[in-house]
Amino acid sequence: MFRLWGKEFKDNRMLRDTVICDDTDDTRTHKVFHALDAICYEFDLSKPIWLDKTIKDFKKHAKARFYQDNFVDSIDFDYLEIQIIEEE
């Protein structure tokens, strides 16, 4: 089972969160992209852009933060954080 936790933060407070579960046979990368798409759909957000720093942080910590620079549209929160909480 693969689970990705998505959280929205503003002023160091979590506004909302969700966990996306994926038990398909896709690759880890595909599971991350599909889960991020599901989080953005649920939170009614445009899809963020993966900048080099974001990719580096995700590879190192299995966690990434998407700030205003990652979004084409303006956002009304400080950042969106995704974190892998379970993978087999």
PDB file of N, CA and C in Angstrom:
ATOM      1  N   MET A   1       0.850  -1.187   0.000  1.00  0.00           N
ATOM      2  CA  MET A   1       0.000   0.000   0.000  1.00  0.00           C
ATOM      3  C   MET A   1       0.884   1.235   0.000  1.00  0.00           C
ATOM      4  N   PHE A   2       0.554   2.178  -0.844  1.00  0.00           N
ATOM      5  CA  PHE A   2       1.255   3.455  -0.928  1.00  0.00           C
ATOM      6  C   PHE A   2       0.305   4.543  -0.438  1.00  0.00           C
ATOM      7  N   ARG A   3       0.782   5.370   0.495  1.00  0.00           N
ATOM      8  CA  ARG A   3      -0.050   6.456   1.008  1.00  0.00           C
ATOM      9  C   ARG A   3       0.736   7.762   0.988  1.00  0.00           C
ATOM     10  N   LEU A   4       0.107   8.804   0.463  1.00  0.00           N
ATOM     11  CA  LEU A   4       0.703  10.132   0.393  1.00  0.00           C
ATOM     12  C   LEU A   4      -0.190  11.101   1.155  1.00  0.00           C
ATOM     13  N   TRP A   5       0.428  11.865   2.029  1.00  0.00           N
ATOM     14  CA  TRP A   5      -0.296  12.817   2.867  1.00  0.00           C
ATOM     15  C   TRP A   5      -0.100  14.207   2.289  1.00  0.00           C
ATOM     16  N   GLY A   6      -1.192  14.882   1.983  1.00  0.00           N
ATOM     17  CA  GLY A   6      -1.139  16.244   1.481  1.00  0.00           C
ATOM     18  C   GLY A   6      -1.691  17.213   2.512  1.00  0.00           C
ATOM     19  N   LYS A   7      -0.962  18.329   2.748  1.00  0.00           N
ATOM     20  CA  LYS A   7      -1.359  19.282   3.780  1.00  0.00           C
ATOM     21  C   LYS A   7      -1.191  20.709   3.262  1.00  0.00           C
ATOM     22  N   GLU A   8      -2.137  21.564   3.600  1.00  0.00           N
ATOM     23  CA  GLU A   8      -2.079  22.989   3.275  1.00  0.00           C
ATOM     24  C   GLU A   8      -1.783  23.757   4.554  1.00  0.00           C
ATOM     25  N   PHE A   9      -0.814  24.676   4.495  1.00  0.00           N
ATOM     26  CA  PHE A   9      -0.436  25.453   5.679  1.00  0.00           C
ATOM     27  C   PHE A   9      -0.530  26.944   5.415  1.00  0.00           C
ATOM     28  N   LYS A  10      -0.949  27.673   6.442  1.00  0.00           N
ATOM     29  CA  LYS A  10      -0.911  29.134   6.423  1.00  0.00           C
ATOM     30  C   LYS A  10      -0.614  29.606   7.845  1.00  0.00           C
ATOM     31  N   ASP A  11       0.361  30.495   7.990  1.00  0.00           N
ATOM     32  CA  ASP A  11       0.782  31.020   9.290  1.00  0.00           C
ATOM     33  C   ASP A  11       1.107  29.899  10.273  1.00  0.00           C
ATOM     34  N   ASN A  12       1.835  28.899   9.797  1.00  0.00           N
ATOM     35  CA  ASN A  12       2.257  27.737  10.601  1.00  0.00           C
ATOM     36  C   ASN A  12       1.098  26.925  11.176  1.00  0.00           C
ATOM     37  N   ARG A  13      -0.042  27.008  10.549  1.00  0.00           N
ATOM     38  CA  ARG A  13      -1.196  26.193  10.958  1.00  0.00           C
ATOM     39  C   ARG A  13      -1.676  25.389   9.750  1.00  0.00           C
ATOM     40  N   MET A  14      -2.027  24.150  10.031  1.00  0.00           N
ATOM     41  CA  MET A  14      -2.547  23.306   8.966  1.00  0.00           C
ATOM     42  C   MET A  14      -4.012  23.666   8.725  1.00  0.00           C
ATOM     43  N   LEU A  15      -4.318  24.042   7.492  1.00  0.00           N
ATOM     44  CA  LEU A  15      -5.686  24.411   7.142  1.00  0.00           C
ATOM     45  C   LEU A  15      -6.528  23.174   6.844  1.00  0.00           C
ATOM     46  N   ARG A  16      -5.970  22.268   6.077  1.00  0.00           N
ATOM     47  CA  ARG A  16      -6.677  21.025   5.731  1.00  0.00           C
ATOM     48  C   ARG A  16      -5.644  20.002   5.271  1.00  0.00           C
ATOM     49  N   ASP A  17      -6.071  18.757   5.328  1.00  0.00           N
ATOM     50  CA  ASP A  17      -5.175  17.681   4.907  1.00  0.00           C
ATOM     51  C   ASP A  17      -5.996  16.529   4.358  1.00  0.00           C
ATOM     52  N   THR A  18      -5.311  15.656   3.660  1.00  0.00           N
ATOM     53  CA  THR A  18      -5.939  14.460   3.106  1.00  0.00           C
ATOM     54  C   THR A  18      -4.866  13.406   2.890  1.00  0.00           C
ATOM     55  N   VAL A  19      -5.277  12.160   2.897  1.00  0.00           N
ATOM     56  CA  VAL A  19      -4.370  11.045   2.616  1.00  0.00           C
ATOM     57  C   VAL A  19      -4.899  10.318   1.386  1.00  0.00           C
ATOM     58  N   ILE A  20      -4.022  10.107   0.431  1.00  0.00           N
ATOM     59  CA  ILE A  20      -4.374   9.407  -0.802  1.00  0.00           C
ATOM     60  C   ILE A  20      -3.712   8.030  -0.756  1.00  0.00           C
ATOM     61  N   CYS A  21      -4.503   6.995  -0.931  1.00  0.00           N
ATOM     62  CA  CYS A  21      -4.010   5.615  -0.928  1.00  0.00           C
ATOM     63  C   CYS A  21      -3.989   5.079  -2.355  1.00  0.00           C
ATOM     64  N   ASP A  22      -2.952   4.319  -2.664  1.00  0.00           N
ATOM     65  CA  ASP A  22      -2.808   3.754  -4.006  1.00  0.00           C
ATOM     66  C   ASP A  22      -2.227   2.355  -3.872  1.00  0.00           C
ATOM     67  N   ASP A  23      -2.973   1.359  -4.301  1.00  0.00           N
ATOM     68  CA  ASP A  23      -2.466  -0.014  -4.228  1.00  0.00           C
ATOM     69  C   ASP A  23      -2.305  -0.629  -5.618  1.00  0.00           C
ATOM     70  N   THR A  24      -2.091   0.221  -6.632  1.00  0.00           N
ATOM     71  CA  THR A  24      -1.871  -0.273  -7.989  1.00  0.00           C
ATOM     72  C   THR A  24      -0.437  -0.772  -8.132  1.00  0.00           C
ATOM     73  N   ASP A  25      -0.132  -1.322  -9.277  1.00  0.00           N
ATOM     74  CA  ASP A  25       1.212  -1.823  -9.554  1.00  0.00           C
ATOM     75  C   ASP A  25       2.068  -0.805 -10.305  1.00  0.00           C
ATOM     76  N   ASP A  26       1.657   0.455 -10.288  1.00  0.00           N
ATOM     77  CA  ASP A  26       2.433   1.513 -10.940  1.00  0.00           C
ATOM     78  C   ASP A  26       3.780   1.713 -10.255  1.00  0.00           C
ATOM     79  N   THR A  27       4.643   2.455 -10.913  1.00  0.00           N
ATOM     80  CA  THR A  27       5.926   2.804 -10.306  1.00  0.00           C
ATOM     81  C   THR A  27       5.702   3.841  -9.210  1.00  0.00           C
ATOM     82  N   ARG A  28       6.705   4.011  -8.375  1.00  0.00           N
ATOM     83  CA  ARG A  28       6.611   4.987  -7.273  1.00  0.00           C
ATOM     84  C   ARG A  28       6.367   6.391  -7.833  1.00  0.00           C
ATOM     85  N   THR A  29       7.054   6.741  -8.901  1.00  0.00           N
ATOM     86  CA  THR A  29       6.906   8.072  -9.496  1.00  0.00           C
ATOM     87  C   THR A  29       5.479   8.293  -9.975  1.00  0.00           C
ATOM     88  N   HIS A  30       4.911   7.307 -10.659  1.00  0.00           N
ATOM     89  CA  HIS A  30       3.530   7.437 -11.134  1.00  0.00           C
ATOM     90  C   HIS A  30       2.558   7.561  -9.969  1.00  0.00           C
ATOM     91  N   LYS A  31       2.807   6.811  -8.902  1.00  0.00           N
ATOM     92  CA  LYS A  31       1.933   6.888  -7.731  1.00  0.00           C
ATOM     93  C   LYS A  31       1.986   8.279  -7.106  1.00  0.00           C
ATOM     94  N   VAL A  32       3.174   8.865  -7.029  1.00  0.00           N
ATOM     95  CA  VAL A  32       3.317  10.222  -6.475  1.00  0.00           C
ATOM     96  C   VAL A  32       2.553  11.219  -7.336  1.00  0.00           C
ATOM     97  N   PHE A  33       2.732  11.141  -8.650  1.00  0.00           N
ATOM     98  CA  PHE A  33       2.047  12.084  -9.546  1.00  0.00           C
ATOM     99  C   PHE A  33       0.533  11.923  -9.490  1.00  0.00           C
ATOM    100  N   HIS A  34       0.051  10.684  -9.470  1.00  0.00           N
ATOM    101  CA  HIS A  34      -1.398  10.451  -9.392  1.00  0.00           C
ATOM    102  C   HIS A  34      -1.960  10.950  -8.062  1.00  0.00           C
ATOM    103  N   ALA A  35      -1.235  10.711  -6.976  1.00  0.00           N
ATOM    104  CA  ALA A  35      -1.692  11.174  -5.660  1.00  0.00           C
ATOM    105  C   ALA A  35      -1.694  12.700  -5.596  1.00  0.00           C
ATOM    106  N   LEU A  36      -0.667  13.337  -6.149  1.00  0.00           N
ATOM    107  CA  LEU A  36      -0.629  14.804  -6.165  1.00  0.00           C
ATOM    108  C   LEU A  36      -1.782  15.366  -6.991  1.00  0.00           C
ATOM    109  N   ASP A  37      -2.085  14.730  -8.099  1.00  0.00           N
ATOM    110  CA  ASP A  37      -3.238  15.144  -8.905  1.00  0.00           C
ATOM    111  C   ASP A  37      -4.533  15.038  -8.096  1.00  0.00           C
ATOM    112  N   ALA A  38      -4.683  13.947  -7.350  1.00  0.00           N
ATOM    113  CA  ALA A  38      -5.885  13.744  -6.531  1.00  0.00           C
ATOM    114  C   ALA A  38      -5.979  14.786  -5.420  1.00  0.00           C
ATOM    115  N   ILE A  39      -4.853  15.121  -4.811  1.00  0.00           N
ATOM    116  CA  ILE A  39      -4.834  16.147  -3.761  1.00  0.00           C
ATOM    117  C   ILE A  39      -5.234  17.500  -4.345  1.00  0.00           C
ATOM    118  N   CYS A  40      -4.666  17.850  -5.480  1.00  0.00           N
ATOM    119  CA  CYS A  40      -4.988  19.130  -6.121  1.00  0.00           C
ATOM    120  C   CYS A  40      -6.461  19.187  -6.520  1.00  0.00           C
ATOM    121  N   TYR A  41      -7.005  18.074  -6.980  1.00  0.00           N
ATOM    122  CA  TYR A  41      -8.419  18.025  -7.329  1.00  0.00           C
ATOM    123  C   TYR A  41      -9.284  18.227  -6.084  1.00  0.00           C
ATOM    124  N   GLU A  42      -8.930  17.531  -5.002  1.00  0.00           N
ATOM    125  CA  GLU A  42      -9.708  17.633  -3.770  1.00  0.00           C
ATOM    126  C   GLU A  42      -9.638  19.035  -3.162  1.00  0.00           C
ATOM    127  N   PHE A  43      -8.464  19.675  -3.232  1.00  0.00           N
ATOM    128  CA  PHE A  43      -8.285  21.018  -2.672  1.00  0.00           C
ATOM    129  C   PHE A  43      -8.630  22.118  -3.669  1.00  0.00           C
ATOM    130  N   ASP A  44      -9.039  21.752  -4.891  1.00  0.00           N
ATOM    131  CA  ASP A  44      -9.380  22.694  -5.959  1.00  0.00           C
ATOM    132  C   ASP A  44      -8.201  23.621  -6.270  1.00  0.00           C
ATOM    133  N   LEU A  45      -7.045  23.011  -6.544  1.00  0.00           N
ATOM    134  CA  LEU A  45      -5.821  23.747  -6.856  1.00  0.00           C
ATOM    135  C   LEU A  45      -5.347  23.403  -8.259  1.00  0.00           C
ATOM    136  N   SER A  46      -4.589  24.321  -8.844  1.00  0.00           N
ATOM    137  CA  SER A  46      -3.905  23.981 -10.083  1.00  0.00           C
ATOM    138  C   SER A  46      -2.716  23.090  -9.724  1.00  0.00           C
ATOM    139  N   LYS A  47      -2.239  22.327 -10.670  1.00  0.00           N
ATOM    140  CA  LYS A  47      -1.125  21.419 -10.391  1.00  0.00           C
ATOM    141  C   LYS A  47       0.158  22.242 -10.236  1.00  0.00           C
ATOM    142  N   PRO A  48       0.931  21.959  -9.196  1.00  0.00           N
ATOM    143  CA  PRO A  48       2.176  22.706  -9.000  1.00  0.00           C
ATOM    144  C   PRO A  48       3.278  22.234  -9.954  1.00  0.00           C
ATOM    145  N   ILE A  49       4.231  23.099 -10.142  1.00  0.00           N
ATOM    146  CA  ILE A  49       5.391  22.804 -10.983  1.00  0.00           C
ATOM    147  C   ILE A  49       6.501  22.261 -10.087  1.00  0.00           C
ATOM    148  N   TRP A  50       7.119  21.178 -10.517  1.00  0.00           N
ATOM    149  CA  TRP A  50       8.223  20.588  -9.759  1.00  0.00           C
ATOM    150  C   TRP A  50       9.508  21.336 -10.114  1.00  0.00           C
ATOM    151  N   LEU A  51       9.947  22.228  -9.249  1.00  0.00           N
ATOM    152  CA  LEU A  51      11.211  22.927  -9.444  1.00  0.00           C
ATOM    153  C   LEU A  51      12.360  22.021  -9.002  1.00  0.00           C
ATOM    154  N   ASP A  52      13.585  22.354  -9.412  1.00  0.00           N
ATOM    155  CA  ASP A  52      14.739  21.527  -9.067  1.00  0.00           C
ATOM    156  C   ASP A  52      14.884  21.350  -7.561  1.00  0.00           C
ATOM    157  N   LYS A  53      14.670  22.415  -6.802  1.00  0.00           N
ATOM    158  CA  LYS A  53      14.777  22.339  -5.341  1.00  0.00           C
ATOM    159  C   LYS A  53      13.711  21.398  -4.772  1.00  0.00           C
ATOM    160  N   THR A  54      12.516  21.451  -5.324  1.00  0.00           N
ATOM    161  CA  THR A  54      11.427  20.588  -4.866  1.00  0.00           C
ATOM    162  C   THR A  54      11.770  19.116  -5.112  1.00  0.00           C
ATOM    163  N   ILE A  55      12.284  18.830  -6.277  1.00  0.00           N
ATOM    164  CA  ILE A  55      12.662  17.451  -6.630  1.00  0.00           C
ATOM    165  C   ILE A  55      13.772  16.952  -5.707  1.00  0.00           C
ATOM    166  N   LYS A  56      14.766  17.807  -5.469  1.00  0.00           N
ATOM    167  CA  LYS A  56      15.887  17.437  -4.597  1.00  0.00           C
ATOM    168  C   LYS A  56      15.408  17.125  -3.182  1.00  0.00           C
ATOM    169  N   ASP A  57      14.547  17.982  -2.640  1.00  0.00           N
ATOM    170  CA  ASP A  57      14.014  17.757  -1.297  1.00  0.00           C
ATOM    171  C   ASP A  57      13.188  16.473  -1.236  1.00  0.00           C
ATOM    172  N   PHE A  58      12.390  16.227  -2.274  1.00  0.00           N
ATOM    173  CA  PHE A  58      11.541  15.035  -2.278  1.00  0.00           C
ATOM    174  C   PHE A  58      12.380  13.760  -2.338  1.00  0.00           C
ATOM    175  N   LYS A  59      13.427  13.769  -3.156  1.00  0.00           N
ATOM    176  CA  LYS A  59      14.296  12.598  -3.241  1.00  0.00           C
ATOM    177  C   LYS A  59      15.006  12.328  -1.919  1.00  0.00           C
ATOM    178  N   LYS A  60      15.385  13.393  -1.223  1.00  0.00           N
ATOM    179  CA  LYS A  60      16.149  13.255   0.012  1.00  0.00           C
ATOM    180  C   LYS A  60      15.281  12.881   1.214  1.00  0.00           C
ATOM    181  N   HIS A  61      14.092  13.481   1.314  1.00  0.00           N
ATOM    182  CA  HIS A  61      13.278  13.323   2.522  1.00  0.00           C
ATOM    183  C   HIS A  61      11.924  12.649   2.314  1.00  0.00           C
ATOM    184  N   ALA A  62      11.555  12.332   1.070  1.00  0.00           N
ATOM    185  CA  ALA A  62      10.220  11.815   0.737  1.00  0.00           C
ATOM    186  C   ALA A  62       9.148  12.803   1.173  1.00  0.00           C
ATOM    187  N   LYS A  63       9.505  14.086   1.118  1.00  0.00           N
ATOM    188  CA  LYS A  63       8.599  15.170   1.494  1.00  0.00           C
ATOM    189  C   LYS A  63       8.941  16.372   0.622  1.00  0.00           C
ATOM    190  N   ALA A  64       7.922  17.093   0.177  1.00  0.00           N
ATOM    191  CA  ALA A  64       8.159  18.278  -0.647  1.00  0.00           C
ATOM    192  C   ALA A  64       7.162  19.359  -0.272  1.00  0.00           C
ATOM    193  N   ARG A  65       7.614  20.603  -0.397  1.00  0.00           N
ATOM    194  CA  ARG A  65       6.744  21.746  -0.161  1.00  0.00           C
ATOM    195  C   ARG A  65       6.640  22.551  -1.443  1.00  0.00           C
ATOM    196  N   PHE A  66       5.417  22.895  -1.786  1.00  0.00           N
ATOM    197  CA  PHE A  66       5.142  23.688  -2.974  1.00  0.00           C
ATOM    198  C   PHE A  66       4.682  25.075  -2.524  1.00  0.00           C
ATOM    199  N   TYR A  67       5.510  26.092  -2.818  1.00  0.00           N
ATOM    200  CA  TYR A  67       5.215  27.474  -2.451  1.00  0.00           C
ATOM    201  C   TYR A  67       4.579  28.195  -3.631  1.00  0.00           C
ATOM    202  N   GLN A  68       4.340  29.482  -3.486  1.00  0.00           N
ATOM    203  CA  GLN A  68       3.739  30.283  -4.555  1.00  0.00           C
ATOM    204  C   GLN A  68       4.529  30.157  -5.860  1.00  0.00           C
ATOM    205  N   ASP A  69       5.849  30.052  -5.766  1.00  0.00           N
ATOM    206  CA  ASP A  69       6.694  29.931  -6.965  1.00  0.00           C
ATOM    207  C   ASP A  69       6.375  28.675  -7.774  1.00  0.00           C
ATOM    208  N   ASN A  70       5.823  27.661  -7.131  1.00  0.00           N
ATOM    209  CA  ASN A  70       5.513  26.408  -7.810  1.00  0.00           C
ATOM    210  C   ASN A  70       4.165  26.436  -8.525  1.00  0.00           C
ATOM    211  N   PHE A  71       3.349  27.444  -8.238  1.00  0.00           N
ATOM    212  CA  PHE A  71       2.005  27.518  -8.818  1.00  0.00           C
ATOM    213  C   PHE A  71       1.916  28.661  -9.834  1.00  0.00           C
ATOM    214  N   VAL A  72       1.192  28.426 -10.910  1.00  0.00           N
ATOM    215  CA  VAL A  72       0.954  29.479 -11.895  1.00  0.00           C
ATOM    216  C   VAL A  72      -0.097  30.446 -11.352  1.00  0.00           C
ATOM    217  N   ASP A  73      -1.155  29.909 -10.760  1.00  0.00           N
ATOM    218  CA  ASP A  73      -2.208  30.734 -10.157  1.00  0.00           C
ATOM    219  C   ASP A  73      -1.758  31.190  -8.775  1.00  0.00           C
ATOM    220  N   SER A  74      -2.401  32.250  -8.280  1.00  0.00           N
ATOM    221  CA  SER A  74      -2.075  32.669  -6.917  1.00  0.00           C
ATOM    222  C   SER A  74      -2.776  31.735  -5.927  1.00  0.00           C
ATOM    223  N   ILE A  75      -2.156  31.546  -4.778  1.00  0.00           N
ATOM    224  CA  ILE A  75      -2.698  30.657  -3.753  1.00  0.00           C
ATOM    225  C   ILE A  75      -2.993  31.467  -2.499  1.00  0.00           C
ATOM    226  N   ASP A  76      -3.957  31.019  -1.712  1.00  0.00           N
ATOM    227  CA  ASP A  76      -4.338  31.747  -0.502  1.00  0.00           C
ATOM    228  C   ASP A  76      -3.821  31.064   0.764  1.00  0.00           C
ATOM    229  N   PHE A  77      -2.720  30.336   0.646  1.00  0.00           N
ATOM    230  CA  PHE A  77      -2.059  29.690   1.767  1.00  0.00           C
ATOM    231  C   PHE A  77      -0.561  29.840   1.553  1.00  0.00           C
ATOM    232  N   ASP A  78       0.236  29.464   2.547  1.00  0.00           N
ATOM    233  CA  ASP A  78       1.686  29.636   2.440  1.00  0.00           C
ATOM    234  C   ASP A  78       2.352  28.550   1.599  1.00  0.00           C
ATOM    235  N   TYR A  79       1.973  27.291   1.836  1.00  0.00           N
ATOM    236  CA  TYR A  79       2.553  26.202   1.045  1.00  0.00           C
ATOM    237  C   TYR A  79       1.706  24.945   1.147  1.00  0.00           C
ATOM    238  N   LEU A  80       1.877  24.084   0.152  1.00  0.00           N
ATOM    239  CA  LEU A  80       1.277  22.752   0.119  1.00  0.00           C
ATOM    240  C   LEU A  80       2.414  21.767   0.348  1.00  0.00           C
ATOM    241  N   GLU A  81       2.240  20.899   1.309  1.00  0.00           N
ATOM    242  CA  GLU A  81       3.273  19.913   1.612  1.00  0.00           C
ATOM    243  C   GLU A  81       2.739  18.523   1.316  1.00  0.00           C
ATOM    244  N   ILE A  82       3.568  17.718   0.649  1.00  0.00           N
ATOM    245  CA  ILE A  82       3.221  16.312   0.442  1.00  0.00           C
ATOM    246  C   ILE A  82       4.296  15.457   1.102  1.00  0.00           C
ATOM    247  N   GLN A  83       3.878  14.322   1.636  1.00  0.00           N
ATOM    248  CA  GLN A  83       4.809  13.445   2.336  1.00  0.00           C
ATOM    249  C   GLN A  83       4.354  12.000   2.154  1.00  0.00           C
ATOM    250  N   ILE A  84       5.282  11.140   1.797  1.00  0.00           N
ATOM    251  CA  ILE A  84       4.992   9.707   1.718  1.00  0.00           C
ATOM    252  C   ILE A  84       4.976   9.175   3.146  1.00  0.00           C
ATOM    253  N   ILE A  85       3.863   8.557   3.529  1.00  0.00           N
ATOM    254  CA  ILE A  85       3.773   8.029   4.886  1.00  0.00           C
ATOM    255  C   ILE A  85       3.799   6.500   4.912  1.00  0.00           C
ATOM    256  N   GLU A  86       3.629   5.876   3.758  1.00  0.00           N
ATOM    257  CA  GLU A  86       3.719   4.412   3.710  1.00  0.00           C
ATOM    258  C   GLU A  86       3.963   3.991   2.280  1.00  0.00           C
ATOM    259  N   GLU A  87       4.901   3.071   2.116  1.00  0.00           N
ATOM    260  CA  GLU A  87       5.096   2.453   0.817  1.00  0.00           C
ATOM    261  C   GLU A  87       5.684   1.063   1.017  1.00  0.00           C
ATOM    262  N   GLU A  88       5.282   0.166   0.142  1.00  0.00           N
ATOM    263  CA  GLU A  88       5.767  -1.219   0.234  1.00  0.00           C
ATOM    264  C   GLU A  88       6.681  -1.509  -0.905  1.00  0.00           C
TER     265      GLU A  88
END
